[in-house]
């Protein structure tokens, strides 16, 4: 395996680098930094460290539309099931 500086395909790899840099210009700063840090740690062979995310970012990921809809449906279903069992228990006792 040859080193990059001695490679015949260095122009192609440079164009890939330019394309990655161009695409990173349209990303958010935190995403771009995280991508570059992961890439550097992968190249150097270090074990990637999980970066701690701030609480609002974690909360935003947890509160997706699907999650909110599921929580509402579960709450409504639980309340309806509780009411049915309450009426059933009341009729059974009487």
C-alpha atoms as a PDB file:
ATOM      1  CA  UNK A   1       0.000   0.000   0.000  1.00  0.00           C
ATOM      2  CA  UNK A   2       1.484   3.317  -1.043  1.00  0.00           C
ATOM      3  CA  UNK A   3       1.434   6.514   0.912  1.00  0.00           C
ATOM      4  CA  UNK A   4      -0.879   9.244  -0.308  1.00  0.00           C
ATOM      5  CA  UNK A   5       1.961  11.584  -1.220  1.00  0.00           C
ATOM      6  CA  UNK A   6       3.375   8.880  -3.528  1.00  0.00           C
ATOM      7  CA  UNK A   7       0.032   7.815  -4.982  1.00  0.00           C
ATOM      8  CA  UNK A   8      -0.886   8.060  -8.650  1.00  0.00           C
ATOM      9  CA  UNK A   9      -4.435   9.058  -7.695  1.00  0.00           C
ATOM     10  CA  UNK A  10      -3.543  12.116  -5.668  1.00  0.00           C
ATOM     11  CA  UNK A  11      -5.513  14.463  -7.957  1.00  0.00           C
ATOM     12  CA  UNK A  12      -8.678  12.409  -7.495  1.00  0.00           C
ATOM     13  CA  UNK A  13      -8.222  12.359  -3.750  1.00  0.00           C
ATOM     14  CA  UNK A  14      -7.634  16.117  -3.710  1.00  0.00           C
ATOM     15  CA  UNK A  15     -10.898  16.621  -5.602  1.00  0.00           C
ATOM     16  CA  UNK A  16     -12.663  14.466  -2.981  1.00  0.00           C
ATOM     17  CA  UNK A  17     -11.152  16.656  -0.274  1.00  0.00           C
ATOM     18  CA  UNK A  18     -12.403  19.776  -2.046  1.00  0.00           C
ATOM     19  CA  UNK A  19     -15.884  18.293  -2.411  1.00  0.00           C
ATOM     20  CA  UNK A  20     -16.018  17.354   1.289  1.00  0.00           C
ATOM     21  CA  UNK A  21     -14.887  20.846   2.261  1.00  0.00           C
ATOM     22  CA  UNK A  22     -17.530  22.384  -0.014  1.00  0.00           C
ATOM     23  CA  UNK A  23     -20.271  20.248   1.536  1.00  0.00           C
ATOM     24  CA  UNK A  24     -19.087  21.063   5.060  1.00  0.00           C
ATOM     25  CA  UNK A  25     -19.577  24.749   4.266  1.00  0.00           C
ATOM     26  CA  UNK A  26     -23.340  24.091   4.182  1.00  0.00           C
ATOM     27  CA  UNK A  27     -23.468  22.173   7.496  1.00  0.00           C
ATOM     28  CA  UNK A  28     -23.900  23.493  10.988  1.00  0.00           C
ATOM     29  CA  UNK A  29     -20.695  24.261  12.843  1.00  0.00           C
ATOM     30  CA  UNK A  30     -21.125  21.527  15.461  1.00  0.00           C
ATOM     31  CA  UNK A  31     -21.875  18.863  12.850  1.00  0.00           C
ATOM     32  CA  UNK A  32     -18.872  19.835  10.768  1.00  0.00           C
ATOM     33  CA  UNK A  33     -16.568  19.843  13.781  1.00  0.00           C
ATOM     34  CA  UNK A  34     -17.860  16.460  14.948  1.00  0.00           C
ATOM     35  CA  UNK A  35     -17.345  15.001  11.460  1.00  0.00           C
ATOM     36  CA  UNK A  36     -13.800  16.312  11.241  1.00  0.00           C
ATOM     37  CA  UNK A  37     -12.911  15.103  14.741  1.00  0.00           C
ATOM     38  CA  UNK A  38     -14.293  11.618  13.992  1.00  0.00           C
ATOM     39  CA  UNK A  39     -12.319  11.542  10.767  1.00  0.00           C
ATOM     40  CA  UNK A  40      -9.108  12.559  12.523  1.00  0.00           C
ATOM     41  CA  UNK A  41      -9.541   9.989  15.267  1.00  0.00           C
ATOM     42  CA  UNK A  42     -10.241   7.302  12.666  1.00  0.00           C
ATOM     43  CA  UNK A  43      -7.111   8.186  10.704  1.00  0.00           C
ATOM     44  CA  UNK A  44      -4.913   8.264  13.794  1.00  0.00           C
ATOM     45  CA  UNK A  45      -6.314   4.942  15.003  1.00  0.00           C
ATOM     46  CA  UNK A  46      -7.523   6.281  18.323  1.00  0.00           C
ATOM     47  CA  UNK A  47     -10.681   4.938  19.872  1.00  0.00           C
ATOM     48  CA  UNK A  48     -13.416   7.471  19.224  1.00  0.00           C
ATOM     49  CA  UNK A  49     -14.669   9.216  22.327  1.00  0.00           C
ATOM     50  CA  UNK A  50     -18.341   9.933  22.669  1.00  0.00           C
ATOM     51  CA  UNK A  51     -18.805  13.625  22.991  1.00  0.00           C
ATOM     52  CA  UNK A  52     -21.295  14.750  25.586  1.00  0.00           C
ATOM     53  CA  UNK A  53     -24.190  16.568  24.071  1.00  0.00           C
ATOM     54  CA  UNK A  54     -25.960  19.431  25.705  1.00  0.00           C
ATOM     55  CA  UNK A  55     -29.331  18.755  27.310  1.00  0.00           C
ATOM     56  CA  UNK A  56     -31.417  20.697  24.734  1.00  0.00           C
ATOM     57  CA  UNK A  57     -29.848  18.699  21.878  1.00  0.00           C
ATOM     58  CA  UNK A  58     -30.627  15.417  23.618  1.00  0.00           C
ATOM     59  CA  UNK A  59     -34.150  16.558  24.434  1.00  0.00           C
ATOM     60  CA  UNK A  60     -34.719  17.617  20.841  1.00  0.00           C
ATOM     61  CA  UNK A  61     -33.737  14.149  19.638  1.00  0.00           C
ATOM     62  CA  UNK A  62     -36.050  12.455  22.132  1.00  0.00           C
ATOM     63  CA  UNK A  63     -39.044  14.632  21.346  1.00  0.00           C
ATOM     64  CA  UNK A  64     -39.720  13.636  17.786  1.00  0.00           C
ATOM     65  CA  UNK A  65     -43.171  13.834  16.256  1.00  0.00           C
ATOM     66  CA  UNK A  66     -43.482  10.046  16.306  1.00  0.00           C
ATOM     67  CA  UNK A  67     -42.552   9.940  19.987  1.00  0.00           C
ATOM     68  CA  UNK A  68     -45.043  12.634  20.943  1.00  0.00           C
ATOM     69  CA  UNK A  69     -47.855  10.950  18.987  1.00  0.00           C
ATOM     70  CA  UNK A  70     -47.031   7.604  20.608  1.00  0.00           C
ATOM     71  CA  UNK A  71     -47.035   9.157  24.085  1.00  0.00           C
ATOM     72  CA  UNK A  72     -50.398  10.847  23.508  1.00  0.00           C
ATOM     73  CA  UNK A  73     -51.972   7.656  22.146  1.00  0.00           C
ATOM     74  CA  UNK A  74     -50.570   5.621  25.031  1.00  0.00           C
ATOM     75  CA  UNK A  75     -51.921   8.119  27.560  1.00  0.00           C
ATOM     76  CA  UNK A  76     -55.379   8.198  25.993  1.00  0.00           C
ATOM     77  CA  UNK A  77     -55.458   4.393  25.731  1.00  0.00           C
ATOM     78  CA  UNK A  78     -54.395   3.999  29.344  1.00  0.00           C
ATOM     79  CA  UNK A  79     -57.066   6.440  30.541  1.00  0.00           C
ATOM     80  CA  UNK A  80     -59.785   4.679  28.515  1.00  0.00           C
ATOM     81  CA  UNK A  81     -58.674   1.253  29.736  1.00  0.00           C
ATOM     82  CA  UNK A  82     -58.651   2.498  33.342  1.00  0.00           C
ATOM     83  CA  UNK A  83     -62.203   3.864  32.952  1.00  0.00           C
ATOM     84  CA  UNK A  84     -63.454   0.555  31.515  1.00  0.00           C
ATOM     85  CA  UNK A  85     -61.887  -1.439  34.346  1.00  0.00           C
ATOM     86  CA  UNK A  86     -63.273   1.005  36.920  1.00  0.00           C
ATOM     87  CA  UNK A  87     -66.810   0.614  35.561  1.00  0.00           C
ATOM     88  CA  UNK A  88     -66.369  -3.177  35.349  1.00  0.00           C
ATOM     89  CA  UNK A  89     -65.153  -3.338  38.966  1.00  0.00           C
ATOM     90  CA  UNK A  90     -68.014  -1.101  40.139  1.00  0.00           C
ATOM     91  CA  UNK A  91     -70.614  -3.295  38.423  1.00  0.00           C
ATOM     92  CA  UNK A  92     -68.995  -6.464  39.716  1.00  0.00           C
ATOM     93  CA  UNK A  93     -68.986  -5.222  43.324  1.00  0.00           C
ATOM     94  CA  UNK A  94     -72.608  -4.061  43.137  1.00  0.00           C
END
